[in-house]
């Protein structure tokens, strides 16, 4: 019973629940902002009606998702003070800077130009109106960077000094904080993955309508765009993910060792990557595995004869450096999260490659192919969510690596019963919001692109309208 009402465990569950739930909206918002901007650019440059329809159609889905993301994101900030007050006191001077930049600069910039874009149809010139949605796309990416920079400090603290008298970290260089090597590697990896999520939605919606021979003029180019976007963004995600793994090995070698369940330091061929491993219940001994020799060495050091430190050696090193404790995360979670992240992303890329092949030269595939395209939509979104679980769980037992442990960050006066009540409340409210979000997006997606009005002068010139929003 004491473990069930442990405020630390419950606070971690609550923050994990609210963060992962909020993160379900973030990739789609970032990816769709740029996607809508691309469609509108194509319309302004070519004047083709189907690009205008795609702009307004996916723009509506973007707005639904954006609104829900804002609502769920507000909860995150309050938890720092309520559940994690010791953490807030310790890193508030550092962590608050990028969060303030995100809220006061990026978010307000984004919100302002979203308003301009929604209400600017037929009031601004086409090029000026187009500029507004590109400003939105830029602001969403800027917002993401500030959040990633804040998180990167938790992975690799830089740009600070310890104030021994006050017992907290204090910012000394905003430049170092914003150019953290982890942030510079994680940002492009995250943005590319967001485009995969956006591409997955486009493919799923286009496949739904094409399987029913609906909106062919708009959905055929949308499908091709989504499939190519998936492959290009997937390649980018893999490339930048490789760069991120190098930064991870340099700053958090225990996380890489846990990702492979590598207990003993290995070099060269022995530093292999296991596709699948079956081991003892405690996870410390391998019974059967399928391995690729040299691959872990290549991923970790970009060398076939590189050395990757093992969990046992790092545990001894950290115990000597920081004092006796367990410094490895939950191995089975990091091990399988790493593989599910990679596997789901690659699966979605394979779906896109097959989709391009079976729809080449305007061919119409069998109905089951459309179903695969539709139901595969969550793959990239799940891969991203699992990736964040890996990122955060792999850092444990630290909340700020090398400076503050998670068990020391929770609010001291917090009771387990208080957290349990809020956890139940958040679960119920977020469950209801999930039903609303899914229902609104499903309704908009099934309805398809709205017909475009034409000018009253008798010409066929399309007239954009904001009434769809």
Protein backbone atom coordinates (compact mmCIF):
# COMPACT_ATOMS: atom_id res chain seq x y z
CA UNK A 1 0.00 0.00 0.00
CA UNK A 2 2.88 2.35 0.78
CA UNK A 3 4.29 1.82 -2.72
CA UNK A 4 0.88 2.49 -4.31
CA UNK A 5 0.64 5.83 -2.48
CA UNK A 6 4.30 6.75 -2.93
CA UNK A 7 4.18 10.43 -4.07
CA UNK A 8 7.36 9.97 -6.13
CA UNK A 9 6.00 7.02 -8.11
CA UNK A 10 2.59 8.63 -8.57
CA UNK A 11 4.10 11.97 -9.59
CA UNK A 12 6.22 10.22 -12.20
CA UNK A 13 3.17 8.40 -13.52
CA UNK A 14 1.19 11.62 -13.65
CA UNK A 15 3.89 13.58 -15.41
CA UNK A 16 4.45 10.71 -17.82
CA UNK A 17 0.73 10.46 -18.59
CA UNK A 18 0.21 14.18 -19.16
CA UNK A 19 3.46 14.58 -21.12
CA UNK A 20 2.88 11.66 -23.48
CA UNK A 21 -0.74 12.72 -23.98
CA UNK A 22 0.27 16.31 -24.76
CA UNK A 23 3.00 15.04 -27.06
CA UNK A 24 0.41 13.24 -29.19
CA UNK A 25 -0.63 16.65 -30.53
CA UNK A 26 2.79 18.27 -30.88
CA UNK A 27 4.23 16.33 -33.86
CA UNK A 28 1.07 16.76 -35.90
CA UNK A 29 0.97 20.49 -35.17
CA UNK A 30 4.60 20.98 -36.21
CA UNK A 31 4.32 18.77 -39.29
CA UNK A 32 0.96 20.09 -40.50
CA UNK A 33 1.97 23.74 -40.13
CA UNK A 34 4.71 23.29 -42.71
CA UNK A 35 2.58 20.95 -44.84
CA UNK A 36 -0.26 23.47 -45.07
CA UNK A 37 2.28 26.18 -45.92
CA UNK A 38 3.64 24.02 -48.74
CA UNK A 39 0.16 23.36 -50.16
CA UNK A 40 -0.71 27.06 -50.02
CA UNK A 41 2.59 27.95 -51.68
CA UNK A 42 1.74 25.54 -54.49
CA UNK A 43 -1.68 27.18 -54.89
CA UNK A 44 -0.27 30.73 -54.96
CA UNK A 45 2.38 29.75 -57.51
CA UNK A 46 0.21 27.60 -59.80
CA UNK A 47 -3.35 28.76 -59.17
CA UNK A 48 -4.54 25.14 -59.21
CA UNK A 49 -7.75 24.73 -57.25
CA UNK A 50 -6.90 21.37 -55.69
CA UNK A 51 -3.95 22.92 -53.84
CA UNK A 52 -6.28 25.51 -52.33
CA UNK A 53 -8.66 22.75 -51.28
CA UNK A 54 -5.84 20.79 -49.68
CA UNK A 55 -4.66 23.93 -47.89
CA UNK A 56 -8.02 24.58 -46.29
CA UNK A 57 -8.80 20.92 -45.69
CA UNK A 58 -5.59 20.10 -43.80
CA UNK A 59 -5.62 23.60 -42.31
CA UNK A 60 -8.85 22.71 -40.53
CA UNK A 61 -7.32 19.54 -39.09
CA UNK A 62 -4.26 21.56 -38.08
CA UNK A 63 -6.40 24.06 -36.17
CA UNK A 64 -8.31 21.33 -34.29
CA UNK A 65 -5.05 19.71 -33.28
CA UNK A 66 -3.41 23.01 -32.34
CA UNK A 67 -6.27 23.99 -30.04
CA UNK A 68 -6.16 20.66 -28.22
CA UNK A 69 -2.38 20.87 -27.88
CA UNK A 70 -2.61 24.27 -26.21
CA UNK A 71 -5.17 23.03 -23.69
CA UNK A 72 -3.15 19.96 -22.69
CA UNK A 73 0.16 21.84 -22.63
CA UNK A 74 -0.92 24.28 -19.93
CA UNK A 75 -1.07 21.45 -17.38
CA UNK A 76 2.64 20.72 -17.80
CA UNK A 77 3.77 24.04 -16.33
CA UNK A 78 1.69 23.72 -13.17
CA UNK A 79 3.15 20.32 -12.35
CA UNK A 80 6.64 21.78 -11.98
CA UNK A 81 5.44 23.82 -9.02
CA UNK A 82 2.95 21.40 -7.52
CA UNK A 83 4.63 18.00 -7.89
CA UNK A 84 8.26 18.92 -8.51
CA UNK A 85 8.94 22.00 -6.39
CA UNK A 86 12.45 20.83 -5.38
CA UNK A 87 13.28 20.48 -9.06
CA UNK A 88 11.87 23.93 -9.80
CA UNK A 89 13.96 25.51 -7.04
CA UNK A 90 17.10 23.71 -8.19
CA UNK A 91 16.98 24.49 -11.93
CA UNK A 92 14.39 27.25 -12.17
CA UNK A 93 17.02 29.90 -12.93
CA UNK A 94 18.27 27.82 -15.87
CA UNK A 95 15.20 25.90 -17.02
CA UNK A 96 12.97 28.96 -16.88
CA UNK A 97 14.93 30.87 -19.54
CA UNK A 98 14.13 28.67 -22.58
CA UNK A 99 10.58 28.11 -21.30
CA UNK A 100 10.07 31.87 -21.08
CA UNK A 101 11.42 32.30 -24.60
CA UNK A 102 9.05 29.60 -25.81
CA UNK A 103 6.00 31.15 -24.16
CA UNK A 104 6.65 34.86 -24.60
CA UNK A 105 8.35 34.74 -27.99
CA UNK A 106 7.61 31.63 -30.02
CA UNK A 107 4.09 30.81 -28.83
CA UNK A 108 2.78 34.39 -29.03
CA UNK A 109 4.39 34.76 -32.46
CA UNK A 110 2.69 31.54 -33.52
CA UNK A 111 -0.71 32.46 -32.04
CA UNK A 112 -0.65 35.94 -33.62
CA UNK A 113 0.00 34.70 -37.13
CA UNK A 114 -2.47 31.85 -36.79
CA UNK A 115 -5.08 34.55 -36.22
CA UNK A 116 -3.79 36.48 -39.23
CA UNK A 117 -3.98 33.35 -41.36
CA UNK A 118 -7.48 32.31 -40.26
CA UNK A 119 -9.09 35.71 -40.63
CA UNK A 120 -6.90 37.03 -43.44
CA UNK A 121 -8.51 35.10 -46.31
CA UNK A 122 -9.71 37.64 -48.95
CA UNK A 123 -8.47 40.49 -46.74
CA UNK A 124 -4.73 40.19 -47.38
CA UNK A 125 -2.98 39.76 -50.69
CA UNK A 126 -2.31 36.10 -51.55
CA UNK A 127 1.45 36.45 -50.98
CA UNK A 128 1.07 38.32 -47.69
CA UNK A 129 -1.47 35.78 -46.50
CA UNK A 130 0.91 33.00 -47.53
CA UNK A 131 3.65 34.64 -45.48
CA UNK A 132 1.45 34.39 -42.39
CA UNK A 133 1.24 30.58 -42.51
CA UNK A 134 4.99 30.34 -43.09
CA UNK A 135 5.43 32.49 -39.98
CA UNK A 136 3.26 29.98 -38.12
CA UNK A 137 5.40 27.10 -39.38
CA UNK A 138 8.58 28.92 -38.34
CA UNK A 139 7.14 29.71 -34.90
CA UNK A 140 6.12 26.09 -34.25
CA UNK A 141 9.66 24.96 -35.04
CA UNK A 142 11.12 27.73 -32.88
CA UNK A 143 8.83 26.74 -30.02
CA UNK A 144 9.98 23.14 -30.37
CA UNK A 145 13.62 24.22 -30.24
CA UNK A 146 13.23 26.11 -26.98
CA UNK A 147 11.48 23.13 -25.37
CA UNK A 148 14.16 20.75 -26.64
CA UNK A 149 16.89 23.11 -25.36
CA UNK A 150 15.28 23.05 -21.91
CA UNK A 151 15.08 19.27 -21.98
CA UNK A 152 18.66 19.03 -23.26
CA UNK A 153 19.87 20.69 -20.05
CA UNK A 154 18.36 17.75 -18.16
CA UNK A 155 20.32 15.37 -20.38
CA UNK A 156 23.57 17.35 -20.55
CA UNK A 157 23.80 20.33 -18.16
CA UNK A 158 25.76 23.26 -19.67
CA UNK A 159 25.86 27.03 -19.29
CA UNK A 160 25.42 27.06 -15.51
CA UNK A 161 27.25 27.27 -12.22
CA UNK A 162 26.30 25.86 -8.84
CA UNK A 163 25.42 28.29 -6.07
CA UNK A 164 26.46 26.35 -2.98
CA UNK A 165 24.85 28.86 -0.62
CA UNK A 166 21.42 28.61 -2.25
CA UNK A 167 21.83 25.00 -3.32
CA UNK A 168 20.76 25.53 -6.92
CA UNK A 169 22.05 25.81 -10.46
CA UNK A 170 22.23 29.32 -11.92
CA UNK A 171 22.43 30.34 -15.56
CA UNK A 172 25.75 31.76 -16.69
CA UNK A 173 25.45 31.57 -20.49
CA UNK A 174 22.21 31.52 -22.47
CA UNK A 175 24.33 30.89 -25.56
CA UNK A 176 25.78 27.67 -24.17
CA UNK A 177 22.34 26.59 -23.00
CA UNK A 178 20.77 27.10 -26.44
CA UNK A 179 23.69 25.50 -28.31
CA UNK A 180 23.84 22.39 -26.15
CA UNK A 181 25.16 19.54 -28.32
CA UNK A 182 22.17 17.39 -27.31
CA UNK A 183 19.70 20.10 -28.39
CA UNK A 184 21.48 20.64 -31.71
CA UNK A 185 21.26 16.91 -32.45
CA UNK A 186 17.77 16.29 -31.04
CA UNK A 187 16.05 19.20 -32.81
CA UNK A 188 16.44 18.10 -36.46
CA UNK A 189 15.77 14.49 -35.45
CA UNK A 190 12.51 15.54 -33.79
CA UNK A 191 11.39 17.86 -36.60
CA UNK A 192 12.02 15.21 -39.25
CA UNK A 193 9.98 12.72 -37.20
CA UNK A 194 7.16 15.29 -36.96
CA UNK A 195 7.05 15.40 -40.75
CA UNK A 196 6.72 11.61 -40.75
CA UNK A 197 3.65 11.90 -38.51
CA UNK A 198 2.16 14.58 -40.76
CA UNK A 199 2.87 12.46 -43.83
CA UNK A 200 1.22 9.48 -42.18
CA UNK A 201 -1.98 11.47 -41.62
CA UNK A 202 -2.02 12.71 -45.22
CA UNK A 203 -1.52 9.19 -46.57
CA UNK A 204 -4.22 7.74 -44.32
CA UNK A 205 -6.80 10.39 -45.23
CA UNK A 206 -5.99 10.21 -48.95
CA UNK A 207 -6.17 6.40 -48.88
CA UNK A 208 -9.58 6.55 -47.18
CA UNK A 209 -11.09 8.73 -49.91
CA UNK A 210 -9.33 7.05 -52.84
CA UNK A 211 -10.53 3.65 -51.67
CA UNK A 212 -14.06 5.05 -52.07
CA UNK A 213 -13.32 6.91 -55.32
CA UNK A 214 -13.95 10.26 -53.63
CA UNK A 215 -12.22 13.61 -54.23
CA UNK A 216 -9.86 12.06 -56.75
CA UNK A 217 -8.50 15.40 -58.03
CA UNK A 218 -7.29 16.39 -54.58
CA UNK A 219 -6.48 13.08 -52.95
CA UNK A 220 -4.30 11.62 -55.70
CA UNK A 221 -1.69 14.41 -55.45
CA UNK A 222 -2.08 14.40 -51.66
CA UNK A 223 -1.29 10.68 -51.53
CA UNK A 224 1.81 11.05 -53.69
CA UNK A 225 2.97 14.02 -51.64
CA UNK A 226 2.45 12.15 -48.37
CA UNK A 227 4.27 9.02 -49.53
CA UNK A 228 7.31 10.95 -50.73
CA UNK A 229 7.27 13.09 -47.62
CA UNK A 230 7.28 9.96 -45.48
CA UNK A 231 10.37 8.56 -47.20
CA UNK A 232 12.29 11.84 -47.22
CA UNK A 233 11.42 12.66 -43.61
CA UNK A 234 12.17 9.08 -42.59
CA UNK A 235 15.63 9.28 -44.15
CA UNK A 236 16.20 12.56 -42.30
CA UNK A 237 15.01 11.05 -39.03
CA UNK A 238 17.47 8.17 -39.40
CA UNK A 239 20.39 10.46 -40.30
CA UNK A 240 19.81 12.91 -37.46
CA UNK A 241 19.03 10.05 -35.10
CA UNK A 242 22.51 8.74 -35.81
CA UNK A 243 23.95 12.13 -34.86
CA UNK A 244 21.86 12.13 -31.69
CA UNK A 245 23.17 8.69 -30.73
CA UNK A 246 26.74 10.03 -30.93
CA UNK A 247 25.81 12.89 -28.61
CA UNK A 248 24.08 10.43 -26.27
CA UNK A 249 27.17 8.21 -26.04
CA UNK A 250 29.33 11.23 -25.23
CA UNK A 251 26.99 12.68 -22.58
CA UNK A 252 25.04 9.69 -21.24
CA UNK A 253 26.88 6.44 -21.97
CA UNK A 254 24.67 4.57 -19.50
CA UNK A 255 21.63 5.27 -21.68
CA UNK A 256 23.26 3.68 -24.72
CA UNK A 257 24.40 0.69 -22.66
CA UNK A 258 20.85 0.29 -21.35
CA UNK A 259 19.42 0.57 -24.86
CA UNK A 260 21.41 -2.52 -25.81
CA UNK A 261 21.28 -4.17 -22.37
CA UNK A 262 25.08 -4.24 -22.62
CA UNK A 263 26.31 -5.24 -19.16
CA UNK A 264 29.99 -5.58 -19.98
CA UNK A 265 32.16 -3.22 -22.02
CA UNK A 266 32.53 -4.46 -25.60
CA UNK A 267 34.78 -3.62 -28.55
CA UNK A 268 34.53 -4.25 -32.28
CA UNK A 269 32.62 -7.38 -33.25
CA UNK A 270 31.62 -7.95 -29.63
CA UNK A 271 29.86 -4.58 -29.64
CA UNK A 272 27.00 -6.06 -31.62
CA UNK A 273 23.40 -4.85 -31.90
CA UNK A 274 20.73 -7.35 -30.92
CA UNK A 275 17.59 -7.38 -33.06
CA UNK A 276 15.93 -9.59 -30.48
CA UNK A 277 17.06 -10.95 -27.12
CA UNK A 278 15.51 -13.44 -24.73
CA UNK A 279 17.05 -13.40 -21.27
CA UNK A 280 16.59 -14.27 -17.62
CA UNK A 281 13.82 -12.52 -15.62
CA UNK A 282 16.32 -10.11 -14.03
CA UNK A 283 17.52 -9.12 -17.51
CA UNK A 284 21.18 -9.58 -16.68
CA UNK A 285 21.88 -12.80 -18.55
CA UNK A 286 21.20 -13.57 -22.18
CA UNK A 287 19.68 -16.92 -23.16
CA UNK A 288 19.08 -16.35 -26.88
CA UNK A 289 19.57 -13.43 -29.26
CA UNK A 290 19.76 -12.43 -32.92
CA UNK A 291 22.70 -10.06 -33.31
CA UNK A 292 24.40 -7.92 -35.96
CA UNK A 293 28.16 -7.83 -35.27
CA UNK A 294 29.90 -4.43 -35.13
CA UNK A 295 26.62 -2.50 -35.46
CA UNK A 296 26.51 -1.13 -31.90
CA UNK A 297 30.13 -0.04 -32.27
CA UNK A 298 29.27 1.69 -35.55
CA UNK A 299 26.20 3.43 -34.08
CA UNK A 300 28.03 4.55 -30.95
CA UNK A 301 31.42 5.56 -32.33
CA UNK A 302 31.15 5.51 -36.16
CA UNK A 303 33.92 2.94 -36.08
CA UNK A 304 33.94 -0.83 -36.52
CA UNK A 305 36.53 -1.24 -33.78
CA UNK A 306 35.06 1.24 -31.28
CA UNK A 307 34.51 0.52 -27.60
CA UNK A 308 31.10 0.81 -25.93
CA UNK A 309 31.07 0.98 -22.13
CA UNK A 310 28.93 -1.56 -20.30
CA UNK A 311 26.42 -1.13 -17.49
CA UNK A 312 28.58 -2.78 -14.82
CA UNK A 313 31.65 -0.64 -15.54
CA UNK A 314 29.57 2.54 -15.65
CA UNK A 315 27.79 1.57 -12.42
CA UNK A 316 31.14 1.25 -10.66
CA UNK A 317 32.36 4.53 -12.14
CA UNK A 318 29.23 6.46 -11.11
CA UNK A 319 29.18 4.91 -7.64
CA UNK A 320 32.72 6.17 -7.07
CA UNK A 321 31.87 9.59 -8.51
CA UNK A 322 28.41 10.25 -7.05
CA UNK A 323 28.15 7.84 -4.13
CA UNK A 324 26.51 4.43 -3.66
CA UNK A 325 23.23 4.03 -5.58
CA UNK A 326 21.77 2.27 -8.60
CA UNK A 327 22.69 4.31 -11.68
CA UNK A 328 21.14 2.16 -14.41
CA UNK A 329 17.58 2.74 -15.67
CA UNK A 330 14.96 0.01 -15.99
CA UNK A 331 16.73 -2.08 -18.61
CA UNK A 332 13.78 -3.86 -20.24
CA UNK A 333 12.00 -0.54 -20.84
CA UNK A 334 14.97 1.17 -22.47
CA UNK A 335 15.89 -1.95 -24.45
CA UNK A 336 12.47 -2.50 -25.97
CA UNK A 337 11.59 1.19 -26.29
CA UNK A 338 14.67 1.71 -28.44
CA UNK A 339 13.66 -1.15 -30.73
CA UNK A 340 9.98 -0.26 -30.96
CA UNK A 341 10.94 3.32 -31.83
CA UNK A 342 13.18 2.20 -34.68
CA UNK A 343 10.89 -0.63 -35.81
CA UNK A 344 7.70 1.43 -36.04
CA UNK A 345 9.47 4.21 -37.93
CA UNK A 346 10.99 1.80 -40.44
CA UNK A 347 7.64 0.03 -40.82
CA UNK A 348 6.01 3.31 -41.83
CA UNK A 349 8.77 3.97 -44.35
CA UNK A 350 8.25 0.51 -45.85
CA UNK A 351 4.53 1.20 -46.14
CA UNK A 352 5.33 4.43 -48.01
CA UNK A 353 7.79 2.72 -50.36
CA UNK A 354 5.30 -0.04 -51.16
CA UNK A 355 2.60 2.59 -51.60
CA UNK A 356 4.64 4.44 -54.21
CA UNK A 357 5.25 1.19 -56.07
CA UNK A 358 1.65 -0.06 -56.15
CA UNK A 359 0.25 3.36 -57.13
CA UNK A 360 2.82 4.14 -59.82
CA UNK A 361 1.50 5.49 -63.13
CA UNK A 362 -1.94 6.08 -61.62
CA UNK A 363 -2.61 2.42 -60.80
CA UNK A 364 -5.30 1.61 -58.24
CA UNK A 365 -4.23 -1.04 -55.73
CA UNK A 366 -6.42 -3.63 -54.05
CA UNK A 367 -8.64 -2.63 -51.15
CA UNK A 368 -6.44 -4.25 -48.49
CA UNK A 369 -3.58 -1.97 -49.55
CA UNK A 370 -5.73 1.07 -48.76
CA UNK A 371 -6.58 -0.43 -45.38
CA UNK A 372 -2.90 -0.88 -44.53
CA UNK A 373 -2.26 2.75 -45.49
CA UNK A 374 -5.13 3.93 -43.29
CA UNK A 375 -4.41 1.81 -40.22
CA UNK A 376 -0.65 2.39 -40.32
CA UNK A 377 -1.12 6.09 -39.48
CA UNK A 378 -0.31 5.71 -35.74
CA UNK A 379 3.06 4.02 -36.44
CA UNK A 380 5.19 7.18 -36.62
CA UNK A 381 3.27 8.85 -33.81
CA UNK A 382 3.80 5.83 -31.57
CA UNK A 383 7.47 5.73 -32.57
CA UNK A 384 7.91 9.36 -31.48
CA UNK A 385 6.08 8.84 -28.19
CA UNK A 386 8.11 5.73 -27.41
CA UNK A 387 11.25 7.65 -28.34
CA UNK A 388 10.48 10.24 -25.68
CA UNK A 389 9.80 7.50 -23.15
CA UNK A 390 13.23 6.10 -23.98
CA UNK A 391 14.84 9.54 -23.67
CA UNK A 392 13.37 10.23 -20.25
CA UNK A 393 13.43 6.73 -18.76
CA UNK A 394 16.95 6.16 -20.02
CA UNK A 395 18.19 9.15 -17.99
CA UNK A 396 17.03 7.68 -14.67
CA UNK A 397 17.82 7.84 -11.80
CA UNK A 398 18.66 11.44 -12.71
CA UNK A 399 16.18 14.22 -13.41
CA UNK A 400 19.14 16.46 -14.26
CA UNK A 401 22.02 14.21 -15.24
CA UNK A 402 24.84 14.28 -12.70
CA UNK A 403 23.25 17.06 -10.61
CA UNK A 404 19.85 16.10 -9.21
CA UNK A 405 18.23 12.70 -8.79
CA UNK A 406 14.54 12.21 -9.49
CA UNK A 407 13.84 11.02 -5.95
CA UNK A 408 15.19 14.34 -4.61
CA UNK A 409 13.15 16.50 -7.00
CA UNK A 410 9.61 15.75 -5.83
CA UNK A 411 7.73 18.24 -3.64
CA UNK A 412 8.52 17.47 0.02
CA UNK A 413 5.04 18.16 1.46
CA UNK A 414 3.21 16.25 -1.26
CA UNK A 415 1.16 13.23 -0.20
CA UNK A 416 0.43 10.17 -2.27
CA UNK A 417 -3.31 10.62 -1.82
CA UNK A 418 -3.17 14.13 -3.30
CA UNK A 419 -1.32 12.92 -6.38
CA UNK A 420 -3.60 9.92 -6.76
CA UNK A 421 -6.67 12.16 -6.85
CA UNK A 422 -5.15 14.46 -9.47
CA UNK A 423 -3.87 11.47 -11.47
CA UNK A 424 -7.38 9.98 -11.60
CA UNK A 425 -8.82 13.39 -12.49
CA UNK A 426 -6.32 13.98 -15.29
CA UNK A 427 -6.91 10.49 -16.67
CA UNK A 428 -10.67 11.04 -16.84
CA UNK A 429 -10.43 14.54 -18.33
CA UNK A 430 -7.74 13.56 -20.83
CA UNK A 431 -9.73 10.49 -21.81
CA UNK A 432 -12.74 12.72 -22.56
CA UNK A 433 -10.55 15.13 -24.52
CA UNK A 434 -9.15 12.23 -26.52
CA UNK A 435 -12.67 11.22 -27.55
CA UNK A 436 -13.45 14.81 -28.56
CA UNK A 437 -10.18 15.22 -30.48
CA UNK A 438 -10.56 11.94 -32.34
CA UNK A 439 -14.19 12.68 -33.14
CA UNK A 440 -13.48 16.16 -34.53
CA UNK A 441 -10.53 15.09 -36.66
CA UNK A 442 -12.35 11.97 -37.89
CA UNK A 443 -15.37 14.06 -38.86
CA UNK A 444 -13.22 16.59 -40.70
CA UNK A 445 -11.18 13.88 -42.43
CA UNK A 446 -14.23 11.91 -43.59
CA UNK A 447 -15.98 15.04 -44.87
CA UNK A 448 -13.11 15.68 -47.26
CA UNK A 449 -12.12 18.94 -48.95
CA UNK A 450 -14.91 21.51 -49.27
CA UNK A 451 -15.83 22.78 -52.74
CA UNK A 452 -14.22 26.08 -53.67
CA UNK A 453 -16.41 29.07 -54.45
CA UNK A 454 -15.82 31.03 -57.65
CA UNK A 455 -15.81 34.78 -58.23
CA UNK A 456 -19.09 36.62 -58.88
CA UNK A 457 -17.73 38.15 -62.09
CA UNK A 458 -18.52 34.98 -64.05
CA UNK A 459 -14.93 33.76 -64.19
CA UNK A 460 -13.68 30.47 -62.80
CA UNK A 461 -11.29 32.19 -60.39
CA UNK A 462 -11.39 30.39 -57.04
CA UNK A 463 -12.31 32.46 -53.99
CA UNK A 464 -10.74 31.27 -50.71
CA UNK A 465 -13.01 31.27 -47.72
CA UNK A 466 -12.37 31.08 -43.99
CA UNK A 467 -15.80 29.67 -43.21
CA UNK A 468 -14.37 26.12 -43.09
CA UNK A 469 -12.64 27.02 -39.85
